Amino acid sequence: MDAMEKEESAPYQPAEVRILKDGPIMIKGVFNFRDTSGKITRGEQEIHICRCGGSASKPFCDDTHKKIGVAY
């Protein structure tokens, strides 16, 4: 069995999406992520999406919420 056959026969595992208390949205698992420029990142990954609006690296969290004291 080659790598392509293994990938096709692997059971579907949905990505986990969690809203972290007083923090970002965490997405973890196997998924595609398309940024505003249209670039797609595929595969297994964990990303943290900003909810406070203060991140300098939007859409990703850079822990600014801790500095500015945002609580949800």
PDB file of N, CA and C in Angstrom:
ATOM      1  N   MET A   1       0.845  -1.174   0.000  1.00  0.00           N
ATOM      2  CA  MET A   1       0.000   0.000   0.000  1.00  0.00           C
ATOM      3  C   MET A   1       0.893   1.240   0.000  1.00  0.00           C
ATOM      4  N   ASP A   2       0.685   2.138  -0.966  1.00  0.00           N
ATOM      5  CA  ASP A   2       1.497   3.353  -1.010  1.00  0.00           C
ATOM      6  C   ASP A   2       0.882   4.443  -0.128  1.00  0.00           C
ATOM      7  N   ALA A   3       1.571   5.561  -0.011  1.00  0.00           N
ATOM      8  CA  ALA A   3       1.150   6.644   0.891  1.00  0.00           C
ATOM      9  C   ALA A   3      -0.224   7.190   0.519  1.00  0.00           C
ATOM     10  N   MET A   4      -0.510   7.264  -0.770  1.00  0.00           N
ATOM     11  CA  MET A   4      -1.805   7.777  -1.220  1.00  0.00           C
ATOM     12  C   MET A   4      -2.937   6.858  -0.773  1.00  0.00           C
ATOM     13  N   GLU A   5      -2.744   5.545  -0.886  1.00  0.00           N
ATOM     14  CA  GLU A   5      -3.765   4.590  -0.453  1.00  0.00           C
ATOM     15  C   GLU A   5      -3.978   4.667   1.056  1.00  0.00           C
ATOM     16  N   LYS A   6      -2.892   4.832   1.823  1.00  0.00           N
ATOM     17  CA  LYS A   6      -3.010   4.954   3.277  1.00  0.00           C
ATOM     18  C   LYS A   6      -3.821   6.186   3.639  1.00  0.00           C
ATOM     19  N   GLU A   7      -3.535   7.300   2.956  1.00  0.00           N
ATOM     20  CA  GLU A   7      -4.240   8.548   3.240  1.00  0.00           C
ATOM     21  C   GLU A   7      -5.729   8.409   2.946  1.00  0.00           C
ATOM     22  N   GLU A   8      -6.067   7.760   1.830  1.00  0.00           N
ATOM     23  CA  GLU A   8      -7.469   7.604   1.449  1.00  0.00           C
ATOM     24  C   GLU A   8      -8.202   6.650   2.375  1.00  0.00           C
ATOM     25  N   SER A   9      -7.509   5.660   2.943  1.00  0.00           N
ATOM     26  CA  SER A   9      -8.187   4.680   3.782  1.00  0.00           C
ATOM     27  C   SER A   9      -8.213   5.082   5.261  1.00  0.00           C
ATOM     28  N   ALA A  10      -7.520   6.168   5.612  1.00  0.00           N
ATOM     29  CA  ALA A  10      -7.504   6.605   7.010  1.00  0.00           C
ATOM     30  C   ALA A  10      -8.892   7.106   7.395  1.00  0.00           C
ATOM     31  N   PRO A  11      -9.335   6.793   8.625  1.00  0.00           N
ATOM     32  CA  PRO A  11     -10.660   7.259   9.044  1.00  0.00           C
ATOM     33  C   PRO A  11     -10.692   8.778   9.142  1.00  0.00           C
ATOM     34  N   TYR A  12     -11.837   9.349   8.836  1.00  0.00           N
ATOM     35  CA  TYR A  12     -12.011  10.801   8.894  1.00  0.00           C
ATOM     36  C   TYR A  12     -11.959  11.262  10.340  1.00  0.00           C
ATOM     37  N   GLN A  13     -11.127  12.234  10.609  1.00  0.00           N
ATOM     38  CA  GLN A  13     -11.007  12.827  11.941  1.00  0.00           C
ATOM     39  C   GLN A  13     -11.284  14.319  11.802  1.00  0.00           C
ATOM     40  N   PRO A  14     -12.412  14.782  12.313  1.00  0.00           N
ATOM     41  CA  PRO A  14     -12.692  16.217  12.186  1.00  0.00           C
ATOM     42  C   PRO A  14     -11.726  17.041  13.026  1.00  0.00           C
ATOM     43  N   ALA A  15     -11.499  18.257  12.592  1.00  0.00           N
ATOM     44  CA  ALA A  15     -10.653  19.178  13.362  1.00  0.00           C
ATOM     45  C   ALA A  15     -11.402  19.588  14.620  1.00  0.00           C
ATOM     46  N   GLU A  16     -10.660  19.891  15.674  1.00  0.00           N
ATOM     47  CA  GLU A  16     -11.231  20.362  16.930  1.00  0.00           C
ATOM     48  C   GLU A  16     -11.149  21.883  16.942  1.00  0.00           C
ATOM     49  N   VAL A  17     -12.260  22.526  17.257  1.00  0.00           N
ATOM     50  CA  VAL A  17     -12.301  23.978  17.374  1.00  0.00           C
ATOM     51  C   VAL A  17     -12.734  24.294  18.801  1.00  0.00           C
ATOM     52  N   ARG A  18     -11.905  25.075  19.504  1.00  0.00           N
ATOM     53  CA  ARG A  18     -12.229  25.434  20.894  1.00  0.00           C
ATOM     54  C   ARG A  18     -12.071  26.938  21.086  1.00  0.00           C
ATOM     55  N   ILE A  19     -13.009  27.505  21.831  1.00  0.00           N
ATOM     56  CA  ILE A  19     -12.898  28.891  22.255  1.00  0.00           C
ATOM     57  C   ILE A  19     -12.176  28.849  23.597  1.00  0.00           C
ATOM     58  N   LEU A  20     -10.978  29.389  23.658  1.00  0.00           N
ATOM     59  CA  LEU A  20     -10.196  29.351  24.886  1.00  0.00           C
ATOM     60  C   LEU A  20     -10.626  30.486  25.806  1.00  0.00           C
ATOM     61  N   LYS A  21     -10.813  30.184  27.077  1.00  0.00           N
ATOM     62  CA  LYS A  21     -11.267  31.184  28.052  1.00  0.00           C
ATOM     63  C   LYS A  21     -10.317  32.375  28.054  1.00  0.00           C
ATOM     64  N   ASP A  22     -10.882  33.550  27.858  1.00  0.00           N
ATOM     65  CA  ASP A  22     -10.114  34.797  27.824  1.00  0.00           C
ATOM     66  C   ASP A  22      -8.944  34.734  26.846  1.00  0.00           C
ATOM     67  N   GLY A  23      -9.142  34.007  25.756  1.00  0.00           N
ATOM     68  CA  GLY A  23      -8.072  33.856  24.772  1.00  0.00           C
ATOM     69  C   GLY A  23      -8.605  33.655  23.368  1.00  0.00           C
ATOM     70  N   PRO A  24      -7.773  33.106  22.511  1.00  0.00           N
ATOM     71  CA  PRO A  24      -8.112  32.962  21.096  1.00  0.00           C
ATOM     72  C   PRO A  24      -9.001  31.748  20.811  1.00  0.00           C
ATOM     73  N   ILE A  25      -9.315  31.599  19.547  1.00  0.00           N
ATOM     74  CA  ILE A  25      -9.979  30.400  19.044  1.00  0.00           C
ATOM     75  C   ILE A  25      -8.868  29.461  18.607  1.00  0.00           C
ATOM     76  N   MET A  26      -8.869  28.244  19.136  1.00  0.00           N
ATOM     77  CA  MET A  26      -7.854  27.253  18.788  1.00  0.00           C
ATOM     78  C   MET A  26      -8.467  26.256  17.810  1.00  0.00           C
ATOM     79  N   ILE A  27      -7.779  26.015  16.719  1.00  0.00           N
ATOM     80  CA  ILE A  27      -8.202  25.016  15.732  1.00  0.00           C
ATOM     81  C   ILE A  27      -7.054  24.028  15.609  1.00  0.00           C
ATOM     82  N   LYS A  28      -7.376  22.757  15.823  1.00  0.00           N
ATOM     83  CA  LYS A  28      -6.336  21.730  15.831  1.00  0.00           C
ATOM     84  C   LYS A  28      -6.837  20.507  15.085  1.00  0.00           C
ATOM     85  N   GLY A  29      -5.994  19.965  14.223  1.00  0.00           N
ATOM     86  CA  GLY A  29      -6.344  18.753  13.495  1.00  0.00           C
ATOM     87  C   GLY A  29      -5.868  18.834  12.063  1.00  0.00           C
ATOM     88  N   VAL A  30      -6.511  18.069  11.218  1.00  0.00           N
ATOM     89  CA  VAL A  30      -6.186  18.049   9.799  1.00  0.00           C
ATOM     90  C   VAL A  30      -7.225  18.909   9.083  1.00  0.00           C
ATOM     91  N   PHE A  31      -6.756  20.010   8.495  1.00  0.00           N
ATOM     92  CA  PHE A  31      -7.676  20.912   7.800  1.00  0.00           C
ATOM     93  C   PHE A  31      -6.902  21.786   6.829  1.00  0.00           C
ATOM     94  N   ASN A  32      -7.637  22.481   5.980  1.00  0.00           N
ATOM     95  CA  ASN A  32      -7.068  23.460   5.065  1.00  0.00           C
ATOM     96  C   ASN A  32      -7.344  24.836   5.642  1.00  0.00           C
ATOM     97  N   PHE A  33      -6.366  25.717   5.585  1.00  0.00           N
ATOM     98  CA  PHE A  33      -6.532  27.090   6.052  1.00  0.00           C
ATOM     99  C   PHE A  33      -6.159  28.022   4.911  1.00  0.00           C
ATOM    100  N   ARG A  34      -7.103  28.887   4.521  1.00  0.00           N
ATOM    101  CA  ARG A  34      -6.858  29.840   3.433  1.00  0.00           C
ATOM    102  C   ARG A  34      -6.760  31.241   4.040  1.00  0.00           C
ATOM    103  N   ASP A  35      -5.632  31.929   3.805  1.00  0.00           N
ATOM    104  CA  ASP A  35      -5.491  33.284   4.334  1.00  0.00           C
ATOM    105  C   ASP A  35      -6.090  34.300   3.360  1.00  0.00           C
ATOM    106  N   THR A  36      -6.030  35.575   3.711  1.00  0.00           N
ATOM    107  CA  THR A  36      -6.666  36.603   2.889  1.00  0.00           C
ATOM    108  C   THR A  36      -6.037  36.756   1.509  1.00  0.00           C
ATOM    109  N   SER A  37      -4.794  36.307   1.356  1.00  0.00           N
ATOM    110  CA  SER A  37      -4.155  36.386   0.043  1.00  0.00           C
ATOM    111  C   SER A  37      -4.519  35.191  -0.837  1.00  0.00           C
ATOM    112  N   GLY A  38      -5.252  34.225  -0.242  1.00  0.00           N
ATOM    113  CA  GLY A  38      -5.639  33.035  -0.991  1.00  0.00           C
ATOM    114  C   GLY A  38      -4.700  31.861  -0.804  1.00  0.00           C
ATOM    115  N   LYS A  39      -3.602  32.071  -0.085  1.00  0.00           N
ATOM    116  CA  LYS A  39      -2.650  30.987   0.168  1.00  0.00           C
ATOM    117  C   LYS A  39      -3.317  29.945   1.063  1.00  0.00           C
ATOM    118  N   ILE A  40      -3.182  28.682   0.686  1.00  0.00           N
ATOM    119  CA  ILE A  40      -3.780  27.589   1.444  1.00  0.00           C
ATOM    120  C   ILE A  40      -2.683  26.781   2.126  1.00  0.00           C
ATOM    121  N   THR A  41      -2.847  26.560   3.420  1.00  0.00           N
ATOM    122  CA  THR A  41      -1.971  25.674   4.174  1.00  0.00           C
ATOM    123  C   THR A  41      -2.786  24.418   4.443  1.00  0.00           C
ATOM    124  N   ARG A  42      -2.266  23.268   4.029  1.00  0.00           N
ATOM    125  CA  ARG A  42      -2.977  22.003   4.187  1.00  0.00           C
ATOM    126  C   ARG A  42      -2.246  21.115   5.176  1.00  0.00           C
ATOM    127  N   GLY A  43      -3.016  20.259   5.842  1.00  0.00           N
ATOM    128  CA  GLY A  43      -2.403  19.239   6.663  1.00  0.00           C
ATOM    129  C   GLY A  43      -2.745  19.363   8.131  1.00  0.00           C
ATOM    130  N   GLU A  44      -2.000  18.613   8.922  1.00  0.00           N
ATOM    131  CA  GLU A  44      -2.228  18.604  10.356  1.00  0.00           C
ATOM    132  C   GLU A  44      -1.537  19.807  10.966  1.00  0.00           C
ATOM    133  N   GLN A  45      -2.291  20.554  11.749  1.00  0.00           N
ATOM    134  CA  GLN A  45      -1.748  21.780  12.311  1.00  0.00           C
ATOM    135  C   GLN A  45      -2.564  22.234  13.514  1.00  0.00           C
ATOM    136  N   GLU A  46      -2.034  23.181  14.234  1.00  0.00           N
ATOM    137  CA  GLU A  46      -2.745  23.845  15.320  1.00  0.00           C
ATOM    138  C   GLU A  46      -2.519  25.332  15.145  1.00  0.00           C
ATOM    139  N   ILE A  47      -3.618  26.078  15.067  1.00  0.00           N
ATOM    140  CA  ILE A  47      -3.521  27.522  14.927  1.00  0.00           C
ATOM    141  C   ILE A  47      -4.394  28.188  15.989  1.00  0.00           C
ATOM    142  N   HIS A  48      -4.066  29.438  16.291  1.00  0.00           N
ATOM    143  CA  HIS A  48      -4.815  30.224  17.271  1.00  0.00           C
ATOM    144  C   HIS A  48      -5.240  31.519  16.591  1.00  0.00           C
ATOM    145  N   ILE A  49      -6.555  31.728  16.500  1.00  0.00           N
ATOM    146  CA  ILE A  49      -7.118  32.884  15.820  1.00  0.00           C
ATOM    147  C   ILE A  49      -7.489  33.952  16.851  1.00  0.00           C
ATOM    148  N   CYS A  50      -7.075  35.193  16.596  1.00  0.00           N
ATOM    149  CA  CYS A  50      -7.322  36.315  17.505  1.00  0.00           C
ATOM    150  C   CYS A  50      -8.815  36.594  17.644  1.00  0.00           C
ATOM    151  N   ARG A  51      -9.253  36.821  18.893  1.00  0.00           N
ATOM    152  CA  ARG A  51     -10.629  37.257  19.155  1.00  0.00           C
ATOM    153  C   ARG A  51     -10.676  38.681  19.672  1.00  0.00           C
ATOM    154  N   CYS A  52      -9.565  39.207  20.180  1.00  0.00           N
ATOM    155  CA  CYS A  52      -9.591  40.533  20.822  1.00  0.00           C
ATOM    156  C   CYS A  52      -9.464  41.674  19.818  1.00  0.00           C
ATOM    157  N   GLY A  53      -8.947  41.388  18.644  1.00  0.00           N
ATOM    158  CA  GLY A  53      -8.766  42.417  17.628  1.00  0.00           C
ATOM    159  C   GLY A  53      -7.462  43.191  17.757  1.00  0.00           C
ATOM    160  N   GLY A  54      -6.657  42.891  18.780  1.00  0.00           N
ATOM    161  CA  GLY A  54      -5.440  43.648  19.020  1.00  0.00           C
ATOM    162  C   GLY A  54      -4.167  43.039  18.466  1.00  0.00           C
ATOM    163  N   SER A  55      -4.251  41.844  17.936  1.00  0.00           N
ATOM    164  CA  SER A  55      -3.042  41.156  17.459  1.00  0.00           C
ATOM    165  C   SER A  55      -2.381  41.904  16.308  1.00  0.00           C
ATOM    166  N   ALA A  56      -1.065  41.979  16.354  1.00  0.00           N
ATOM    167  CA  ALA A  56      -0.298  42.573  15.254  1.00  0.00           C
ATOM    168  C   ALA A  56      -0.114  41.581  14.114  1.00  0.00           C
ATOM    169  N   SER A  57      -0.461  40.321  14.342  1.00  0.00           N
ATOM    170  CA  SER A  57      -0.280  39.295  13.313  1.00  0.00           C
ATOM    171  C   SER A  57      -1.617  38.648  12.938  1.00  0.00           C
ATOM    172  N   LYS A  58      -2.674  39.472  12.849  1.00  0.00           N
ATOM    173  CA  LYS A  58      -4.004  38.973  12.502  1.00  0.00           C
ATOM    174  C   LYS A  58      -3.948  38.168  11.210  1.00  0.00           C
ATOM    175  N   PRO A  59      -4.670  37.105  11.097  1.00  0.00           N
ATOM    176  CA  PRO A  59      -5.740  36.683  11.986  1.00  0.00           C
ATOM    177  C   PRO A  59      -5.247  35.871  13.179  1.00  0.00           C
ATOM    178  N   PHE A  60      -3.940  35.707  13.283  1.00  0.00           N
ATOM    179  CA  PHE A  60      -3.395  34.846  14.330  1.00  0.00           C
ATOM    180  C   PHE A  60      -3.207  35.598  15.641  1.00  0.00           C
ATOM    181  N   CYS A  61      -3.332  34.879  16.737  1.00  0.00           N
ATOM    182  CA  CYS A  61      -3.148  35.432  18.074  1.00  0.00           C
ATOM    183  C   CYS A  61      -1.663  35.622  18.345  1.00  0.00           C
ATOM    184  N   ASP A  62      -1.315  36.764  18.945  1.00  0.00           N
ATOM    185  CA  ASP A  62       0.068  36.990  19.381  1.00  0.00           C
ATOM    186  C   ASP A  62       0.123  37.299  20.884  1.00  0.00           C
ATOM    187  N   ASP A  63      -0.923  36.909  21.602  1.00  0.00           N
ATOM    188  CA  ASP A  63      -1.058  37.091  23.057  1.00  0.00           C
ATOM    189  C   ASP A  63      -1.274  38.540  23.478  1.00  0.00           C
ATOM    190  N   THR A  64      -1.639  39.418  22.557  1.00  0.00           N
ATOM    191  CA  THR A  64      -1.936  40.806  22.910  1.00  0.00           C
ATOM    192  C   THR A  64      -3.076  40.881  23.926  1.00  0.00           C
ATOM    193  N   HIS A  65      -4.022  39.953  23.878  1.00  0.00           N
ATOM    194  CA  HIS A  65      -5.145  39.971  24.813  1.00  0.00           C
ATOM    195  C   HIS A  65      -4.662  39.944  26.274  1.00  0.00           C
ATOM    196  N   LYS A  66      -3.534  39.324  26.517  1.00  0.00           N
ATOM    197  CA  LYS A  66      -2.976  39.290  27.871  1.00  0.00           C
ATOM    198  C   LYS A  66      -2.440  40.665  28.276  1.00  0.00           C
ATOM    199  N   LYS A  67      -1.833  41.367  27.322  1.00  0.00           N
ATOM    200  CA  LYS A  67      -1.254  42.686  27.597  1.00  0.00           C
ATOM    201  C   LYS A  67      -2.317  43.752  27.806  1.00  0.00           C
ATOM    202  N   ILE A  68      -3.427  43.648  27.050  1.00  0.00           N
ATOM    203  CA  ILE A  68      -4.456  44.683  27.121  1.00  0.00           C
ATOM    204  C   ILE A  68      -5.586  44.313  28.092  1.00  0.00           C
ATOM    205  N   GLY A  69      -5.496  43.111  28.682  1.00  0.00           N
ATOM    206  CA  GLY A  69      -6.449  42.717  29.713  1.00  0.00           C
ATOM    207  C   GLY A  69      -7.849  42.406  29.223  1.00  0.00           C
ATOM    208  N   VAL A  70      -7.960  41.848  28.020  1.00  0.00           N
ATOM    209  CA  VAL A  70      -9.268  41.482  27.491  1.00  0.00           C
ATOM    210  C   VAL A  70      -9.770  40.231  28.177  1.00  0.00           C
ATOM    211  N   ALA A  71     -11.020  40.275  28.610  1.00  0.00           N
ATOM    212  CA  ALA A  71     -11.677  39.091  29.190  1.00  0.00           C
ATOM    213  C   ALA A  71     -13.001  38.893  28.469  1.00  0.00           C
ATOM    214  N   TYR A  72     -13.335  37.652  28.196  1.00  0.00           N
ATOM    215  CA  TYR A  72     -14.576  37.330  27.482  1.00  0.00           C
ATOM    216  C   TYR A  72     -15.567  36.698  28.416  1.00  0.00           C
TER     217      TYR A  72
END
